Amino acid sequence: MTNISAREMLSRVQDGEQLNLLDVREKIEYHTYNIGGTNIPLPDLKDRLNELEWNKTDEIIVICKAGIRSATAKSVLELNGYNSVRNLTGGLLALQRHQ
């Protein structure tokens, strides 16, 4: 599945849509600033896939600070059967620039 731009994601949030967000930053980063969603740090993701409450066909948007860790997380999820995973291009930095 294609990535999602900060502009598209903001538009969907502003329209009141509930998105399935997976934040793969470290806990300290998540607690410092977050936009919600489930926080599972990238190094722990493979071992904690069972904690995800979404179906493998649900759209999941993976986020991190700049979009690099989330791109890796997208690959991990896809390798484990999730087929509607999107990476937030540019990460939270891009999102903050568009707010």
C-alpha atoms as a PDB file:
ATOM      1  CA  MET A   1       0.000   0.000   0.000  1.00  0.00           C
ATOM      2  CA  THR A   2       1.162   3.544  -0.624  1.00  0.00           C
ATOM      3  CA  ASN A   3       2.483   5.900   2.013  1.00  0.00           C
ATOM      4  CA  ILE A   4       0.332   8.704   3.415  1.00  0.00           C
ATOM      5  CA  SER A   5       1.285  12.367   3.313  1.00  0.00           C
ATOM      6  CA  ALA A   6       1.021  14.668   6.314  1.00  0.00           C
ATOM      7  CA  ARG A   7      -1.530  16.748   4.396  1.00  0.00           C
ATOM      8  CA  GLU A   8      -3.803  13.746   3.700  1.00  0.00           C
ATOM      9  CA  MET A   9      -3.547  12.489   7.266  1.00  0.00           C
ATOM     10  CA  LEU A  10      -4.362  15.909   8.748  1.00  0.00           C
ATOM     11  CA  SER A  11      -7.334  16.248   6.429  1.00  0.00           C
ATOM     12  CA  ARG A  12      -8.700  12.889   7.535  1.00  0.00           C
ATOM     13  CA  VAL A  13      -8.197  13.720  11.234  1.00  0.00           C
ATOM     14  CA  GLN A  14      -9.891  17.105  10.777  1.00  0.00           C
ATOM     15  CA  ASP A  15     -12.832  15.305   9.135  1.00  0.00           C
ATOM     16  CA  GLY A  16     -13.216  13.351  12.386  1.00  0.00           C
ATOM     17  CA  GLU A  17     -11.974  10.036  11.042  1.00  0.00           C
ATOM     18  CA  GLN A  18     -10.624   7.588  13.619  1.00  0.00           C
ATOM     19  CA  LEU A  19      -7.296   6.303  12.318  1.00  0.00           C
ATOM     20  CA  ASN A  20      -5.391   3.203  13.417  1.00  0.00           C
ATOM     21  CA  LEU A  21      -2.051   4.709  14.425  1.00  0.00           C
ATOM     22  CA  LEU A  22       1.033   2.755  15.416  1.00  0.00           C
ATOM     23  CA  ASP A  23       3.784   4.955  16.868  1.00  0.00           C
ATOM     24  CA  VAL A  24       7.122   3.108  16.759  1.00  0.00           C
ATOM     25  CA  ARG A  25       9.221   5.702  18.609  1.00  0.00           C
ATOM     26  CA  GLU A  26      10.780   4.989  21.991  1.00  0.00           C
ATOM     27  CA  LYS A  27       8.542   5.436  25.050  1.00  0.00           C
ATOM     28  CA  ILE A  28      10.289   8.662  26.167  1.00  0.00           C
ATOM     29  CA  GLU A  29       9.703  10.203  22.719  1.00  0.00           C
ATOM     30  CA  TYR A  30       6.066   9.107  22.774  1.00  0.00           C
ATOM     31  CA  HIS A  31       5.454  10.568  26.225  1.00  0.00           C
ATOM     32  CA  THR A  32       7.174  13.838  25.287  1.00  0.00           C
ATOM     33  CA  TYR A  33       4.899  14.411  22.277  1.00  0.00           C
ATOM     34  CA  ASN A  34       2.328  12.194  20.590  1.00  0.00           C
ATOM     35  CA  ILE A  35      -0.858  12.331  18.553  1.00  0.00           C
ATOM     36  CA  GLY A  36      -2.322   9.208  20.103  1.00  0.00           C
ATOM     37  CA  GLY A  37      -2.293   5.675  18.829  1.00  0.00           C
ATOM     38  CA  THR A  38      -0.587   2.551  20.066  1.00  0.00           C
ATOM     39  CA  ASN A  39       3.060   2.912  21.082  1.00  0.00           C
ATOM     40  CA  ILE A  40       5.302  -0.082  20.405  1.00  0.00           C
ATOM     41  CA  PRO A  41       8.965   0.885  19.904  1.00  0.00           C
ATOM     42  CA  LEU A  42      10.424  -0.498  16.672  1.00  0.00           C
ATOM     43  CA  PRO A  43      12.967  -2.829  18.377  1.00  0.00           C
ATOM     44  CA  ASP A  44      10.062  -4.516  20.226  1.00  0.00           C
ATOM     45  CA  LEU A  45       7.615  -4.720  17.328  1.00  0.00           C
ATOM     46  CA  LYS A  46       8.291  -8.284  16.121  1.00  0.00           C
ATOM     47  CA  ASP A  47       7.862  -9.661  19.634  1.00  0.00           C
ATOM     48  CA  ARG A  48       4.732  -7.620  20.377  1.00  0.00           C
ATOM     49  CA  LEU A  49       2.644  -8.062  17.211  1.00  0.00           C
ATOM     50  CA  ASN A  50       0.085  -9.970  19.286  1.00  0.00           C
ATOM     51  CA  GLU A  51      -0.698  -6.701  21.127  1.00  0.00           C
ATOM     52  CA  LEU A  52      -2.076  -5.084  17.977  1.00  0.00           C
ATOM     53  CA  GLU A  53      -5.860  -4.886  18.148  1.00  0.00           C
ATOM     54  CA  TRP A  54      -6.411  -4.512  14.411  1.00  0.00           C
ATOM     55  CA  ASN A  55      -7.236  -7.046  11.735  1.00  0.00           C
ATOM     56  CA  LYS A  56      -4.594  -7.765   9.126  1.00  0.00           C
ATOM     57  CA  THR A  57      -6.823  -6.095   6.522  1.00  0.00           C
ATOM     58  CA  ASP A  58      -7.394  -2.856   8.509  1.00  0.00           C
ATOM     59  CA  GLU A  59      -5.568   0.266   7.394  1.00  0.00           C
ATOM     60  CA  ILE A  60      -2.735   0.936   9.839  1.00  0.00           C
ATOM     61  CA  ILE A  61      -0.730   4.159   9.684  1.00  0.00           C
ATOM     62  CA  VAL A  62       2.766   3.758  11.106  1.00  0.00           C
ATOM     63  CA  ILE A  63       4.409   6.897  12.498  1.00  0.00           C
ATOM     64  CA  CYS A  64       7.734   7.991  13.967  1.00  0.00           C
ATOM     65  CA  LYS A  65       9.703  11.223  14.139  1.00  0.00           C
ATOM     66  CA  ALA A  66      10.909  11.445  10.530  1.00  0.00           C
ATOM     67  CA  GLY A  67       9.428   8.448   8.711  1.00  0.00           C
ATOM     68  CA  ILE A  68      12.496   6.201   8.727  1.00  0.00           C
ATOM     69  CA  ARG A  69      11.707   3.857  11.630  1.00  0.00           C
ATOM     70  CA  SER A  70       8.076   3.725  10.543  1.00  0.00           C
ATOM     71  CA  ALA A  71       9.156   2.628   7.039  1.00  0.00           C
ATOM     72  CA  THR A  72      10.985  -0.292   8.656  1.00  0.00           C
ATOM     73  CA  ALA A  73       7.942  -1.050  10.825  1.00  0.00           C
ATOM     74  CA  LYS A  74       5.747  -1.047   7.707  1.00  0.00           C
ATOM     75  CA  SER A  75       7.970  -3.780   6.248  1.00  0.00           C
ATOM     76  CA  VAL A  76       7.818  -5.804   9.481  1.00  0.00           C
ATOM     77  CA  LEU A  77       4.025  -5.647   9.499  1.00  0.00           C
ATOM     78  CA  GLU A  78       3.754  -6.556   5.819  1.00  0.00           C
ATOM     79  CA  LEU A  79       6.076  -9.537   6.302  1.00  0.00           C
ATOM     80  CA  ASN A  80       3.690 -10.685   9.044  1.00  0.00           C
ATOM     81  CA  GLY A  81       0.578 -10.561   6.874  1.00  0.00           C
ATOM     82  CA  TYR A  82      -0.717  -7.021   7.375  1.00  0.00           C
ATOM     83  CA  ASN A  83      -1.701  -5.783   3.940  1.00  0.00           C
ATOM     84  CA  SER A  84      -3.022  -2.234   4.422  1.00  0.00           C
ATOM     85  CA  VAL A  85      -0.059  -0.560   6.113  1.00  0.00           C
ATOM     86  CA  ARG A  86       0.851   3.044   5.310  1.00  0.00           C
ATOM     87  CA  ASN A  87       3.906   4.997   6.439  1.00  0.00           C
ATOM     88  CA  LEU A  88       3.500   8.685   7.349  1.00  0.00           C
ATOM     89  CA  THR A  89       5.911  10.318   4.903  1.00  0.00           C
ATOM     90  CA  GLY A  90       8.253  12.649   6.779  1.00  0.00           C
ATOM     91  CA  GLY A  91       6.873  11.490  10.125  1.00  0.00           C
ATOM     92  CA  LEU A  92       5.658  13.716  12.918  1.00  0.00           C
ATOM     93  CA  LEU A  93       8.044  16.465  11.792  1.00  0.00           C
ATOM     94  CA  ALA A  94       6.120  16.750   8.513  1.00  0.00           C
ATOM     95  CA  LEU A  95       2.814  16.668  10.384  1.00  0.00           C
ATOM     96  CA  GLN A  96       3.893  19.511  12.658  1.00  0.00           C
ATOM     97  CA  ARG A  97       4.940  21.608   9.630  1.00  0.00           C
ATOM     98  CA  HIS A  98       1.434  21.271   8.170  1.00  0.00           C
ATOM     99  CA  GLN A  99      -0.502  22.148  11.328  1.00  0.00           C
END
